[in-house]
Amino acid sequence: MDMNPDLNTILATADPSVFIGAVWSSTQFPIIHIPKKIPLFLISPFAVFCSNGNVRKLYVSGTSGTSQLRKKGIWFAQTFFNPLTVPPWNPKKGVSKSKSEQIVFGRCGRPDPNIFDPISLLAFAKLEKEYQDKVKYVYVNPSHKARDLVKELKLQQVEFREWLSDTQLQCFYQDIDVFAHARGDGETLGVAIAEAMLAQNPVISHRSRYHNDHKFLLLEPFGKMAGIDDWQQYYEFMKFFVEHRHKLPELGRRARDFAVRYFDKDIASKNILKDVSQAASYYGKPRILFDKIYYGCRWIKRTIRTR
């Protein structure tokens, strides 16, 4: 590639013991041009593998992507959960919600109309009709499709909020009772879901026609996952949390405990440092035989398919 200074000059000056980078293409620059003596520590958001002949760590976003790579022979691929700050424990979260108090659902995400899914708003429309002002849905970063649907359904208990700062976002997670996730293309990991869980919120979501790695996080009883376009089932889950409000503190605690195991940045940072150190120990020890077998098998598969 046209670089100034060129790659070789940069590597000679830095003299790295390990090269860390993201990968999204099987023939990605500069990965394939890095000398084989330098071990690679790669992060693959979309389950792509690329090699210089000395890949020693491969972090992948999502359990399905990890499984996909392992089936292809990349046995050292492992799921990477974004390190997140665990908020302080809130002993008042969800406690003593009387019948007269609102149950607040919340959703946040990108305001991209291409990923909008109406399932949660359609479900909430039925919930609002039944419980009126005893329920509320705080919808953060709405797309125009969300606004149009709320207007069409004439919903009174949906509150739209624009982009929130980090501090405002943490307050949002503390103010809601249940995280009502909705996204048309699903999740390859589900960071917003994890943030909500760390803030002691049970979660409702739904299956997508595309990515469904968030199902790993949504375990019963604190996680509920409706079927594709099944807003009636989504409504039933919403109603469950309204009718069983006394369970919210315990379900929130269990959601937090589960998410901490995978997302706590203090735990994750120790593992990352250990993995980087381990990868660096392979300096000057390329695994070329592995690459020959892997890429050879791929060539054979392509040849068979094209004949």
C-alpha atoms as a PDB file:
ATOM      1  CA  MET A   1       0.000   0.000   0.000  1.00  0.00           C
ATOM      2  CA  ASP A   2       1.049   3.627  -0.561  1.00  0.00           C
ATOM      3  CA  MET A   3       2.279   4.592   2.909  1.00  0.00           C
ATOM      4  CA  ASN A   4       4.774   7.168   4.099  1.00  0.00           C
ATOM      5  CA  PRO A   5       6.723   5.906   5.909  1.00  0.00           C
ATOM      6  CA  ASP A   6       6.222   2.415   4.444  1.00  0.00           C
ATOM      7  CA  LEU A   7       5.162  -0.608   6.501  1.00  0.00           C
ATOM      8  CA  ASN A   8       8.654  -2.108   6.721  1.00  0.00           C
ATOM      9  CA  THR A   9      10.090   1.156   8.057  1.00  0.00           C
ATOM     10  CA  ILE A  10       7.347   1.406  10.683  1.00  0.00           C
ATOM     11  CA  LEU A  11       7.881  -2.186  11.824  1.00  0.00           C
ATOM     12  CA  ALA A  12      11.671  -1.794  11.906  1.00  0.00           C
ATOM     13  CA  THR A  13      11.342   1.338  14.037  1.00  0.00           C
ATOM     14  CA  ALA A  14       8.683  -0.011  16.418  1.00  0.00           C
ATOM     15  CA  ASP A  15      10.084  -3.558  16.501  1.00  0.00           C
ATOM     16  CA  PRO A  16       6.819  -4.967  17.947  1.00  0.00           C
ATOM     17  CA  SER A  17       6.699  -8.246  19.845  1.00  0.00           C
ATOM     18  CA  VAL A  18       3.071  -8.662  18.787  1.00  0.00           C
ATOM     19  CA  PHE A  19       0.791  -6.874  16.303  1.00  0.00           C
ATOM     20  CA  ILE A  20      -2.757  -6.087  17.487  1.00  0.00           C
ATOM     21  CA  GLY A  21      -5.470  -5.133  15.021  1.00  0.00           C
ATOM     22  CA  ALA A  22      -9.034  -5.537  13.775  1.00  0.00           C
ATOM     23  CA  VAL A  23      -9.776  -7.813  10.847  1.00  0.00           C
ATOM     24  CA  TRP A  24     -12.679  -7.611   8.385  1.00  0.00           C
ATOM     25  CA  SER A  25     -11.182  -9.120   5.207  1.00  0.00           C
ATOM     26  CA  SER A  26      -9.424 -12.422   4.505  1.00  0.00           C
ATOM     27  CA  THR A  27      -6.790 -10.572   2.431  1.00  0.00           C
ATOM     28  CA  GLN A  28      -6.481  -7.491   4.601  1.00  0.00           C
ATOM     29  CA  PHE A  29      -3.626  -4.999   4.496  1.00  0.00           C
ATOM     30  CA  PRO A  30      -1.387  -4.782   6.411  1.00  0.00           C
ATOM     31  CA  ILE A  31      -2.019  -8.109   8.123  1.00  0.00           C
ATOM     32  CA  ILE A  32      -0.967 -10.336   5.230  1.00  0.00           C
ATOM     33  CA  HIS A  33       2.212  -8.255   4.736  1.00  0.00           C
ATOM     34  CA  ILE A  34       3.438  -8.366   8.324  1.00  0.00           C
ATOM     35  CA  PRO A  35       6.517 -10.615   8.650  1.00  0.00           C
ATOM     36  CA  LYS A  36       5.709 -14.119   9.828  1.00  0.00           C
ATOM     37  CA  LYS A  37       8.010 -13.789  12.810  1.00  0.00           C
ATOM     38  CA  ILE A  38       5.596 -11.273  14.389  1.00  0.00           C
ATOM     39  CA  PRO A  39       2.629 -12.935  16.123  1.00  0.00           C
ATOM     40  CA  LEU A  40      -0.834 -11.471  15.501  1.00  0.00           C
ATOM     41  CA  PHE A  41      -3.516 -10.682  18.051  1.00  0.00           C
ATOM     42  CA  LEU A  42      -6.666 -10.058  15.995  1.00  0.00           C
ATOM     43  CA  ILE A  43     -10.155  -8.820  16.821  1.00  0.00           C
ATOM     44  CA  SER A  44     -12.768  -9.990  14.304  1.00  0.00           C
ATOM     45  CA  PRO A  45     -16.185  -8.300  14.690  1.00  0.00           C
ATOM     46  CA  PHE A  46     -17.691 -10.247  11.781  1.00  0.00           C
ATOM     47  CA  ALA A  47     -16.033 -13.672  12.095  1.00  0.00           C
ATOM     48  CA  VAL A  48     -13.415 -13.117   9.385  1.00  0.00           C
ATOM     49  CA  PHE A  49     -10.013 -14.823   9.486  1.00  0.00           C
ATOM     50  CA  CYS A  50      -6.836 -13.394   7.988  1.00  0.00           C
ATOM     51  CA  SER A  51      -3.275 -14.525   8.611  1.00  0.00           C
ATOM     52  CA  ASN A  52       0.385 -13.719   8.110  1.00  0.00           C
ATOM     53  CA  GLY A  53       1.248 -17.248   9.224  1.00  0.00           C
ATOM     54  CA  ASN A  54       1.472 -16.468  12.932  1.00  0.00           C
ATOM     55  CA  VAL A  55      -2.001 -15.691  14.334  1.00  0.00           C
ATOM     56  CA  ARG A  56      -1.996 -16.532  18.041  1.00  0.00           C
ATOM     57  CA  LYS A  57      -5.182 -14.921  19.344  1.00  0.00           C
ATOM     58  CA  LEU A  58      -8.459 -14.285  17.577  1.00  0.00           C
ATOM     59  CA  TYR A  59     -11.227 -12.463  19.440  1.00  0.00           C
ATOM     60  CA  VAL A  60     -14.651 -12.672  17.779  1.00  0.00           C
ATOM     61  CA  SER A  61     -17.843 -10.687  18.449  1.00  0.00           C
ATOM     62  CA  GLY A  62     -20.687 -13.108  19.111  1.00  0.00           C
ATOM     63  CA  THR A  63     -20.899 -16.787  19.959  1.00  0.00           C
ATOM     64  CA  SER A  64     -22.243 -17.769  16.533  1.00  0.00           C
ATOM     65  CA  GLY A  65     -19.255 -16.155  14.798  1.00  0.00           C
ATOM     66  CA  THR A  66     -16.912 -18.013  17.125  1.00  0.00           C
ATOM     67  CA  SER A  67     -18.676 -21.296  16.408  1.00  0.00           C
ATOM     68  CA  GLN A  68     -18.577 -20.595  12.674  1.00  0.00           C
ATOM     69  CA  LEU A  69     -14.800 -20.102  12.706  1.00  0.00           C
ATOM     70  CA  ARG A  70     -14.156 -23.135  14.873  1.00  0.00           C
ATOM     71  CA  LYS A  71     -16.098 -25.293  12.421  1.00  0.00           C
ATOM     72  CA  LYS A  72     -13.707 -24.050   9.737  1.00  0.00           C
ATOM     73  CA  GLY A  73     -10.741 -25.225  11.805  1.00  0.00           C
ATOM     74  CA  ILE A  74      -9.883 -21.980  13.607  1.00  0.00           C
ATOM     75  CA  TRP A  75      -9.972 -23.716  16.962  1.00  0.00           C
ATOM     76  CA  PHE A  76      -8.337 -20.817  18.837  1.00  0.00           C
ATOM     77  CA  ALA A  77     -11.155 -18.350  18.034  1.00  0.00           C
ATOM     78  CA  GLN A  78     -12.860 -17.116  21.207  1.00  0.00           C
ATOM     79  CA  THR A  79     -15.803 -14.847  21.904  1.00  0.00           C
ATOM     80  CA  PHE A  80     -14.882 -11.332  22.982  1.00  0.00           C
ATOM     81  CA  PHE A  81     -17.314  -9.394  25.161  1.00  0.00           C
ATOM     82  CA  ASN A  82     -16.798  -5.624  25.114  1.00  0.00           C
ATOM     83  CA  PRO A  83     -15.353  -4.552  28.489  1.00  0.00           C
ATOM     84  CA  LEU A  84     -17.882  -2.369  30.318  1.00  0.00           C
ATOM     85  CA  THR A  85     -17.861  -0.412  33.557  1.00  0.00           C
ATOM     86  CA  VAL A  86     -20.068  -2.048  36.167  1.00  0.00           C
ATOM     87  CA  PRO A  87     -22.172   0.648  37.864  1.00  0.00           C
ATOM     88  CA  PRO A  88     -22.482   0.670  41.663  1.00  0.00           C
ATOM     89  CA  TRP A  89     -25.093  -1.630  43.132  1.00  0.00           C
ATOM     90  CA  ASN A  90     -28.412   0.190  43.593  1.00  0.00           C
ATOM     91  CA  PRO A  91     -30.237  -1.306  46.608  1.00  0.00           C
ATOM     92  CA  LYS A  92     -33.401   0.682  45.773  1.00  0.00           C
ATOM     93  CA  LYS A  93     -33.693  -0.557  42.201  1.00  0.00           C
ATOM     94  CA  GLY A  94     -37.170  -1.987  41.607  1.00  0.00           C
ATOM     95  CA  VAL A  95     -37.957  -2.221  45.312  1.00  0.00           C
ATOM     96  CA  SER A  96     -41.502  -1.690  46.619  1.00  0.00           C
ATOM     97  CA  LYS A  97     -43.208  -0.959  43.324  1.00  0.00           C
ATOM     98  CA  SER A  98     -46.816  -0.628  44.379  1.00  0.00           C
ATOM     99  CA  LYS A  99     -49.793  -1.218  42.083  1.00  0.00           C
ATOM    100  CA  SER A 100     -50.294   2.529  41.784  1.00  0.00           C
ATOM    101  CA  GLU A 101     -46.757   3.186  40.480  1.00  0.00           C
ATOM    102  CA  GLN A 102     -45.745   3.125  36.831  1.00  0.00           C
ATOM    103  CA  ILE A 103     -43.698   0.299  35.390  1.00  0.00           C
ATOM    104  CA  VAL A 104     -41.217   1.946  33.041  1.00  0.00           C
ATOM    105  CA  PHE A 105     -39.876   0.178  29.976  1.00  0.00           C
ATOM    106  CA  GLY A 106     -36.916   1.626  28.100  1.00  0.00           C
ATOM    107  CA  ARG A 107     -35.095   1.236  24.831  1.00  0.00           C
ATOM    108  CA  CYS A 108     -31.946   2.882  23.421  1.00  0.00           C
ATOM    109  CA  GLY A 109     -29.955   2.434  20.245  1.00  0.00           C
ATOM    110  CA  ARG A 110     -29.070   4.114  16.962  1.00  0.00           C
ATOM    111  CA  PRO A 111     -31.782   6.208  15.251  1.00  0.00           C
ATOM    112  CA  ASP A 112     -31.211   4.415  11.947  1.00  0.00           C
ATOM    113  CA  PRO A 113     -34.552   3.743  10.187  1.00  0.00           C
ATOM    114  CA  ASN A 114     -32.960   0.741   8.460  1.00  0.00           C
ATOM    115  CA  ILE A 115     -32.674  -1.131  11.755  1.00  0.00           C
ATOM    116  CA  PHE A 116     -36.032  -0.043  13.184  1.00  0.00           C
ATOM    117  CA  ASP A 117     -38.323  -2.852  14.311  1.00  0.00           C
ATOM    118  CA  PRO A 118     -41.901  -1.997  15.338  1.00  0.00           C
ATOM    119  CA  ILE A 119     -42.353  -5.038  17.589  1.00  0.00           C
ATOM    120  CA  SER A 120     -41.887  -3.288  20.943  1.00  0.00           C
ATOM    121  CA  LEU A 121     -44.132  -0.334  20.069  1.00  0.00           C
ATOM    122  CA  LEU A 122     -46.860  -2.612  18.716  1.00  0.00           C
ATOM    123  CA  ALA A 123     -46.684  -4.632  21.934  1.00  0.00           C
ATOM    124  CA  PHE A 124     -46.693  -1.518  24.093  1.00  0.00           C
ATOM    125  CA  ALA A 125     -49.776  -0.207  22.273  1.00  0.00           C
ATOM    126  CA  LYS A 126     -51.750  -3.155  23.613  1.00  0.00           C
ATOM    127  CA  LEU A 127     -50.144  -2.797  27.043  1.00  0.00           C
ATOM    128  CA  GLU A 128     -51.017   0.899  27.235  1.00  0.00           C
ATOM    129  CA  LYS A 129     -54.595   0.174  26.228  1.00  0.00           C
ATOM    130  CA  GLU A 130     -54.852  -2.235  29.164  1.00  0.00           C
ATOM    131  CA  TYR A 131     -52.892  -0.350  31.846  1.00  0.00           C
ATOM    132  CA  GLN A 132     -53.085   3.256  30.590  1.00  0.00           C
ATOM    133  CA  ASP A 133     -50.850   5.571  32.651  1.00  0.00           C
ATOM    134  CA  LYS A 134     -49.676   2.734  34.898  1.00  0.00           C
ATOM    135  CA  VAL A 135     -47.069   1.909  32.214  1.00  0.00           C
ATOM    136  CA  LYS A 136     -44.574   4.060  30.339  1.00  0.00           C
ATOM    137  CA  TYR A 137     -42.059   3.474  27.513  1.00  0.00           C
ATOM    138  CA  VAL A 138     -38.981   5.715  27.314  1.00  0.00           C
ATOM    139  CA  TYR A 139     -37.685   5.447  23.739  1.00  0.00           C
ATOM    140  CA  VAL A 140     -34.178   6.875  23.268  1.00  0.00           C
ATOM    141  CA  ASN A 141     -32.871   7.880  19.811  1.00  0.00           C
ATOM    142  CA  PRO A 142     -36.053   7.292  17.817  1.00  0.00           C
ATOM    143  CA  SER A 143     -35.945   7.074  14.035  1.00  0.00           C
ATOM    144  CA  HIS A 144     -38.647   8.842  12.052  1.00  0.00           C
ATOM    145  CA  LYS A 145     -40.326   5.451  11.641  1.00  0.00           C
ATOM    146  CA  ALA A 146     -40.675   5.151  15.426  1.00  0.00           C
ATOM    147  CA  ARG A 147     -42.148   8.641  15.688  1.00  0.00           C
ATOM    148  CA  ASP A 148     -44.572   7.978  12.833  1.00  0.00           C
ATOM    149  CA  LEU A 149     -45.756   4.700  14.366  1.00  0.00           C
ATOM    150  CA  VAL A 150     -46.345   6.248  17.794  1.00  0.00           C
ATOM    151  CA  LYS A 151     -48.373   8.997  16.131  1.00  0.00           C
ATOM    152  CA  GLU A 152     -50.323   6.472  14.059  1.00  0.00           C
ATOM    153  CA  LEU A 153     -51.098   4.351  17.136  1.00  0.00           C
ATOM    154  CA  LYS A 154     -51.970   7.487  19.155  1.00  0.00           C
ATOM    155  CA  LEU A 155     -49.832   6.367  22.080  1.00  0.00           C
ATOM    156  CA  GLN A 156     -49.849   8.654  25.111  1.00  0.00           C
ATOM    157  CA  GLN A 157     -47.320   6.913  27.364  1.00  0.00           C
ATOM    158  CA  VAL A 158     -44.304   6.863  25.021  1.00  0.00           C
ATOM    159  CA  GLU A 159     -41.619   9.405  25.878  1.00  0.00           C
ATOM    160  CA  PHE A 160     -39.011  10.133  23.210  1.00  0.00           C
ATOM    161  CA  ARG A 161     -35.528  11.226  24.200  1.00  0.00           C
ATOM    162  CA  GLU A 162     -32.675  12.269  21.948  1.00  0.00           C
ATOM    163  CA  TRP A 163     -29.036  11.238  22.191  1.00  0.00           C
ATOM    164  CA  LEU A 164     -27.867  10.916  25.807  1.00  0.00           C
ATOM    165  CA  SER A 165     -24.486  11.630  27.338  1.00  0.00           C
ATOM    166  CA  ASP A 166     -22.764   8.794  29.213  1.00  0.00           C
ATOM    167  CA  THR A 167     -24.018  10.199  32.516  1.00  0.00           C
ATOM    168  CA  GLN A 168     -27.561  10.609  31.195  1.00  0.00           C
ATOM    169  CA  LEU A 169     -27.473   7.088  29.791  1.00  0.00           C
ATOM    170  CA  GLN A 170     -26.569   5.634  33.171  1.00  0.00           C
ATOM    171  CA  CYS A 171     -29.433   7.597  34.747  1.00  0.00           C
ATOM    172  CA  PHE A 172     -31.758   6.224  32.066  1.00  0.00           C
ATOM    173  CA  TYR A 173     -30.806   2.641  32.954  1.00  0.00           C
ATOM    174  CA  GLN A 174     -31.474   3.372  36.622  1.00  0.00           C
ATOM    175  CA  ASP A 175     -34.834   5.047  35.956  1.00  0.00           C
ATOM    176  CA  ILE A 176     -36.361   2.204  33.938  1.00  0.00           C
ATOM    177  CA  ASP A 177     -37.641  -1.103  35.304  1.00  0.00           C
ATOM    178  CA  VAL A 178     -37.283  -3.283  32.198  1.00  0.00           C
ATOM    179  CA  PHE A 179     -35.132  -2.883  29.090  1.00  0.00           C
ATOM    180  CA  ALA A 180     -37.376  -3.391  26.038  1.00  0.00           C
ATOM    181  CA  HIS A 181     -34.913  -4.013  23.211  1.00  0.00           C
ATOM    182  CA  ALA A 182     -35.955  -3.876  19.560  1.00  0.00           C
ATOM    183  CA  ARG A 183     -33.712  -3.922  16.488  1.00  0.00           C
ATOM    184  CA  GLY A 184     -34.563  -5.152  13.001  1.00  0.00           C
ATOM    185  CA  ASP A 185     -31.210  -6.756  12.179  1.00  0.00           C
ATOM    186  CA  GLY A 186     -30.612  -8.202  15.639  1.00  0.00           C
ATOM    187  CA  GLU A 187     -27.286  -8.106  17.469  1.00  0.00           C
ATOM    188  CA  THR A 188     -23.851  -9.622  16.934  1.00  0.00           C
ATOM    189  CA  LEU A 189     -23.198  -9.109  20.633  1.00  0.00           C
ATOM    190  CA  GLY A 190     -25.660  -6.754  22.362  1.00  0.00           C
ATOM    191  CA  VAL A 191     -23.737  -4.064  24.247  1.00  0.00           C
ATOM    192  CA  ALA A 192     -26.823  -1.994  25.114  1.00  0.00           C
ATOM    193  CA  ILE A 193     -28.493  -5.128  26.468  1.00  0.00           C
ATOM    194  CA  ALA A 194     -25.424  -5.838  28.592  1.00  0.00           C
ATOM    195  CA  GLU A 195     -25.327  -2.258  29.898  1.00  0.00           C
ATOM    196  CA  ALA A 196     -28.976  -2.519  30.911  1.00  0.00           C
ATOM    197  CA  MET A 197     -28.366  -5.834  32.660  1.00  0.00           C
ATOM    198  CA  LEU A 198     -25.384  -4.441  34.574  1.00  0.00           C
ATOM    199  CA  ALA A 199     -27.752  -1.707  35.788  1.00  0.00           C
ATOM    200  CA  GLN A 200     -30.052  -4.398  37.260  1.00  0.00           C
ATOM    201  CA  ASN A 201     -32.664  -4.530  34.511  1.00  0.00           C
ATOM    202  CA  PRO A 202     -34.383  -7.642  33.184  1.00  0.00           C
ATOM    203  CA  VAL A 203     -34.622  -7.585  29.391  1.00  0.00           C
ATOM    204  CA  ILE A 204     -37.162  -8.296  26.659  1.00  0.00           C
ATOM    205  CA  SER A 205     -36.026  -8.721  23.065  1.00  0.00           C
ATOM    206  CA  HIS A 206     -36.976 -10.668  19.943  1.00  0.00           C
ATOM    207  CA  ARG A 207     -35.488 -12.876  17.283  1.00  0.00           C
ATOM    208  CA  SER A 208     -34.268 -11.375  14.038  1.00  0.00           C
ATOM    209  CA  ARG A 209     -33.944 -12.723  10.499  1.00  0.00           C
ATOM    210  CA  TYR A 210     -30.283 -11.782  10.606  1.00  0.00           C
ATOM    211  CA  HIS A 211     -28.164 -11.740  13.787  1.00  0.00           C
ATOM    212  CA  ASN A 212     -29.280 -13.366  17.028  1.00  0.00           C
ATOM    213  CA  ASP A 213     -26.203 -13.481  19.219  1.00  0.00           C
ATOM    214  CA  HIS A 214     -28.041 -11.547  21.921  1.00  0.00           C
ATOM    215  CA  LYS A 215     -29.963 -14.725  22.730  1.00  0.00           C
ATOM    216  CA  PHE A 216     -26.839 -15.810  24.639  1.00  0.00           C
ATOM    217  CA  LEU A 217     -27.579 -13.057  27.171  1.00  0.00           C
ATOM    218  CA  LEU A 218     -31.330 -13.558  27.464  1.00  0.00           C
ATOM    219  CA  LEU A 219     -31.649 -16.451  29.835  1.00  0.00           C
ATOM    220  CA  GLU A 220     -34.796 -17.140  31.799  1.00  0.00           C
ATOM    221  CA  PRO A 221     -36.079 -15.848  34.095  1.00  0.00           C
ATOM    222  CA  PHE A 222     -34.464 -12.397  33.652  1.00  0.00           C
ATOM    223  CA  GLY A 223     -34.373 -12.497  29.850  1.00  0.00           C
ATOM    224  CA  LYS A 224     -37.337 -12.884  27.483  1.00  0.00           C
ATOM    225  CA  MET A 225     -37.067 -13.358  23.712  1.00  0.00           C
ATOM    226  CA  ALA A 226     -40.119 -13.140  21.465  1.00  0.00           C
ATOM    227  CA  GLY A 227     -40.321 -14.751  18.047  1.00  0.00           C
ATOM    228  CA  ILE A 228     -39.774 -12.922  14.773  1.00  0.00           C
ATOM    229  CA  ASP A 229     -42.480 -10.236  14.372  1.00  0.00           C
ATOM    230  CA  ASP A 230     -44.408 -11.799  17.274  1.00  0.00           C
ATOM    231  CA  TRP A 231     -45.543  -8.598  18.976  1.00  0.00           C
ATOM    232  CA  GLN A 232     -48.288 -10.519  20.791  1.00  0.00           C
ATOM    233  CA  GLN A 233     -45.658 -12.615  22.605  1.00  0.00           C
ATOM    234  CA  TYR A 234     -43.626  -9.464  23.259  1.00  0.00           C
ATOM    235  CA  TYR A 235     -46.743  -7.951  24.837  1.00  0.00           C
ATOM    236  CA  GLU A 236     -47.146 -11.028  27.056  1.00  0.00           C
ATOM    237  CA  PHE A 237     -43.601 -10.551  28.295  1.00  0.00           C
ATOM    238  CA  MET A 238     -44.262  -6.882  29.024  1.00  0.00           C
ATOM    239  CA  LYS A 239     -47.417  -7.812  30.900  1.00  0.00           C
ATOM    240  CA  PHE A 240     -45.496 -10.425  32.899  1.00  0.00           C
ATOM    241  CA  PHE A 241     -43.209  -7.760  34.358  1.00  0.00           C
ATOM    242  CA  VAL A 242     -46.146  -5.463  35.119  1.00  0.00           C
ATOM    243  CA  GLU A 243     -48.074  -8.213  36.904  1.00  0.00           C
ATOM    244  CA  HIS A 244     -45.010  -9.606  38.684  1.00  0.00           C
ATOM    245  CA  ARG A 245     -43.429  -6.310  39.687  1.00  0.00           C
ATOM    246  CA  HIS A 246     -42.457  -7.787  43.051  1.00  0.00           C
ATOM    247  CA  LYS A 247     -39.945  -9.976  41.194  1.00  0.00           C
ATOM    248  CA  LEU A 248     -38.116  -7.057  39.571  1.00  0.00           C
ATOM    249  CA  PRO A 249     -35.381  -6.624  42.249  1.00  0.00           C
ATOM    250  CA  GLU A 250     -34.436 -10.319  42.188  1.00  0.00           C
ATOM    251  CA  LEU A 251     -34.575 -10.586  38.393  1.00  0.00           C
ATOM    252  CA  GLY A 252     -32.475  -7.442  38.095  1.00  0.00           C
ATOM    253  CA  ARG A 253     -29.892  -8.890  40.463  1.00  0.00           C
ATOM    254  CA  ARG A 254     -29.672 -12.104  38.464  1.00  0.00           C
ATOM    255  CA  ALA A 255     -29.344 -10.185  35.186  1.00  0.00           C
ATOM    256  CA  ARG A 256     -26.486  -8.149  36.661  1.00  0.00           C
ATOM    257  CA  ASP A 257     -24.691 -11.205  38.072  1.00  0.00           C
ATOM    258  CA  PHE A 258     -24.826 -12.924  34.675  1.00  0.00           C
ATOM    259  CA  ALA A 259     -23.575  -9.893  32.728  1.00  0.00           C
ATOM    260  CA  VAL A 260     -20.714  -9.205  35.154  1.00  0.00           C
ATOM    261  CA  ARG A 261     -19.161 -12.586  34.361  1.00  0.00           C
ATOM    262  CA  TYR A 262     -18.629 -11.591  30.740  1.00  0.00           C
ATOM    263  CA  PHE A 263     -18.469  -7.780  30.543  1.00  0.00           C
ATOM    264  CA  ASP A 264     -16.788  -6.498  33.722  1.00  0.00           C
ATOM    265  CA  LYS A 265     -13.839  -4.445  32.412  1.00  0.00           C
ATOM    266  CA  ASP A 266     -11.703  -5.287  35.464  1.00  0.00           C
ATOM    267  CA  ILE A 267     -12.006  -9.000  34.728  1.00  0.00           C
ATOM    268  CA  ALA A 268     -11.681  -8.504  30.962  1.00  0.00           C
ATOM    269  CA  SER A 269      -8.562  -6.320  31.198  1.00  0.00           C
ATOM    270  CA  LYS A 270      -6.697  -8.990  33.156  1.00  0.00           C
ATOM    271  CA  ASN A 271      -7.585 -11.606  30.551  1.00  0.00           C
ATOM    272  CA  ILE A 272      -6.561  -9.306  27.689  1.00  0.00           C
ATOM    273  CA  LEU A 273      -3.177  -8.587  29.258  1.00  0.00           C
ATOM    274  CA  LYS A 274      -2.630 -12.301  29.813  1.00  0.00           C
ATOM    275  CA  ASP A 275      -3.575 -13.105  26.200  1.00  0.00           C
ATOM    276  CA  VAL A 276      -1.337 -10.356  24.778  1.00  0.00           C
ATOM    277  CA  SER A 277       1.589 -11.641  26.816  1.00  0.00           C
ATOM    278  CA  GLN A 278       0.925 -15.187  25.673  1.00  0.00           C
ATOM    279  CA  ALA A 279       0.698 -14.123  22.017  1.00  0.00           C
ATOM    280  CA  ALA A 280       3.977 -12.188  22.283  1.00  0.00           C
ATOM    281  CA  SER A 281       5.738 -15.345  23.509  1.00  0.00           C
ATOM    282  CA  TYR A 282       5.372 -16.739  19.971  1.00  0.00           C
ATOM    283  CA  TYR A 283       7.624 -14.093  18.426  1.00  0.00           C
ATOM    284  CA  GLY A 284       9.755 -15.788  15.801  1.00  0.00           C
ATOM    285  CA  LYS A 285       7.648 -18.978  15.902  1.00  0.00           C
ATOM    286  CA  PRO A 286       5.245 -18.885  12.939  1.00  0.00           C
ATOM    287  CA  ARG A 287       2.637 -21.636  12.538  1.00  0.00           C
ATOM    288  CA  ILE A 288       2.947 -21.863   8.759  1.00  0.00           C
ATOM    289  CA  LEU A 289       1.803 -25.499   8.677  1.00  0.00           C
ATOM    290  CA  PHE A 290      -1.572 -24.451  10.114  1.00  0.00           C
ATOM    291  CA  ASP A 291      -2.002 -21.802   7.413  1.00  0.00           C
ATOM    292  CA  LYS A 292      -1.093 -24.262   4.665  1.00  0.00           C
ATOM    293  CA  ILE A 293      -3.700 -26.740   5.909  1.00  0.00           C
ATOM    294  CA  TYR A 294      -6.390 -24.083   6.445  1.00  0.00           C
ATOM    295  CA  TYR A 295      -5.971 -22.269   3.147  1.00  0.00           C
ATOM    296  CA  GLY A 296      -5.410 -25.567   1.329  1.00  0.00           C
ATOM    297  CA  CYS A 297      -8.755 -26.887   2.595  1.00  0.00           C
ATOM    298  CA  ARG A 298     -10.475 -23.650   1.536  1.00  0.00           C
ATOM    299  CA  TRP A 299      -8.983 -23.961  -1.963  1.00  0.00           C
ATOM    300  CA  ILE A 300     -10.178 -27.570  -2.234  1.00  0.00           C
ATOM    301  CA  LYS A 301     -13.722 -26.606  -1.116  1.00  0.00           C
ATOM    302  CA  ARG A 302     -13.881 -23.757  -3.643  1.00  0.00           C
ATOM    303  CA  THR A 303     -12.632 -26.040  -6.402  1.00  0.00           C
ATOM    304  CA  ILE A 304     -15.262 -28.687  -5.607  1.00  0.00           C
ATOM    305  CA  ARG A 305     -18.053 -26.092  -5.551  1.00  0.00           C
ATOM    306  CA  THR A 306     -17.080 -24.637  -8.946  1.00  0.00           C
ATOM    307  CA  ARG A 307     -16.931 -27.988 -10.730  1.00  0.00           C
END
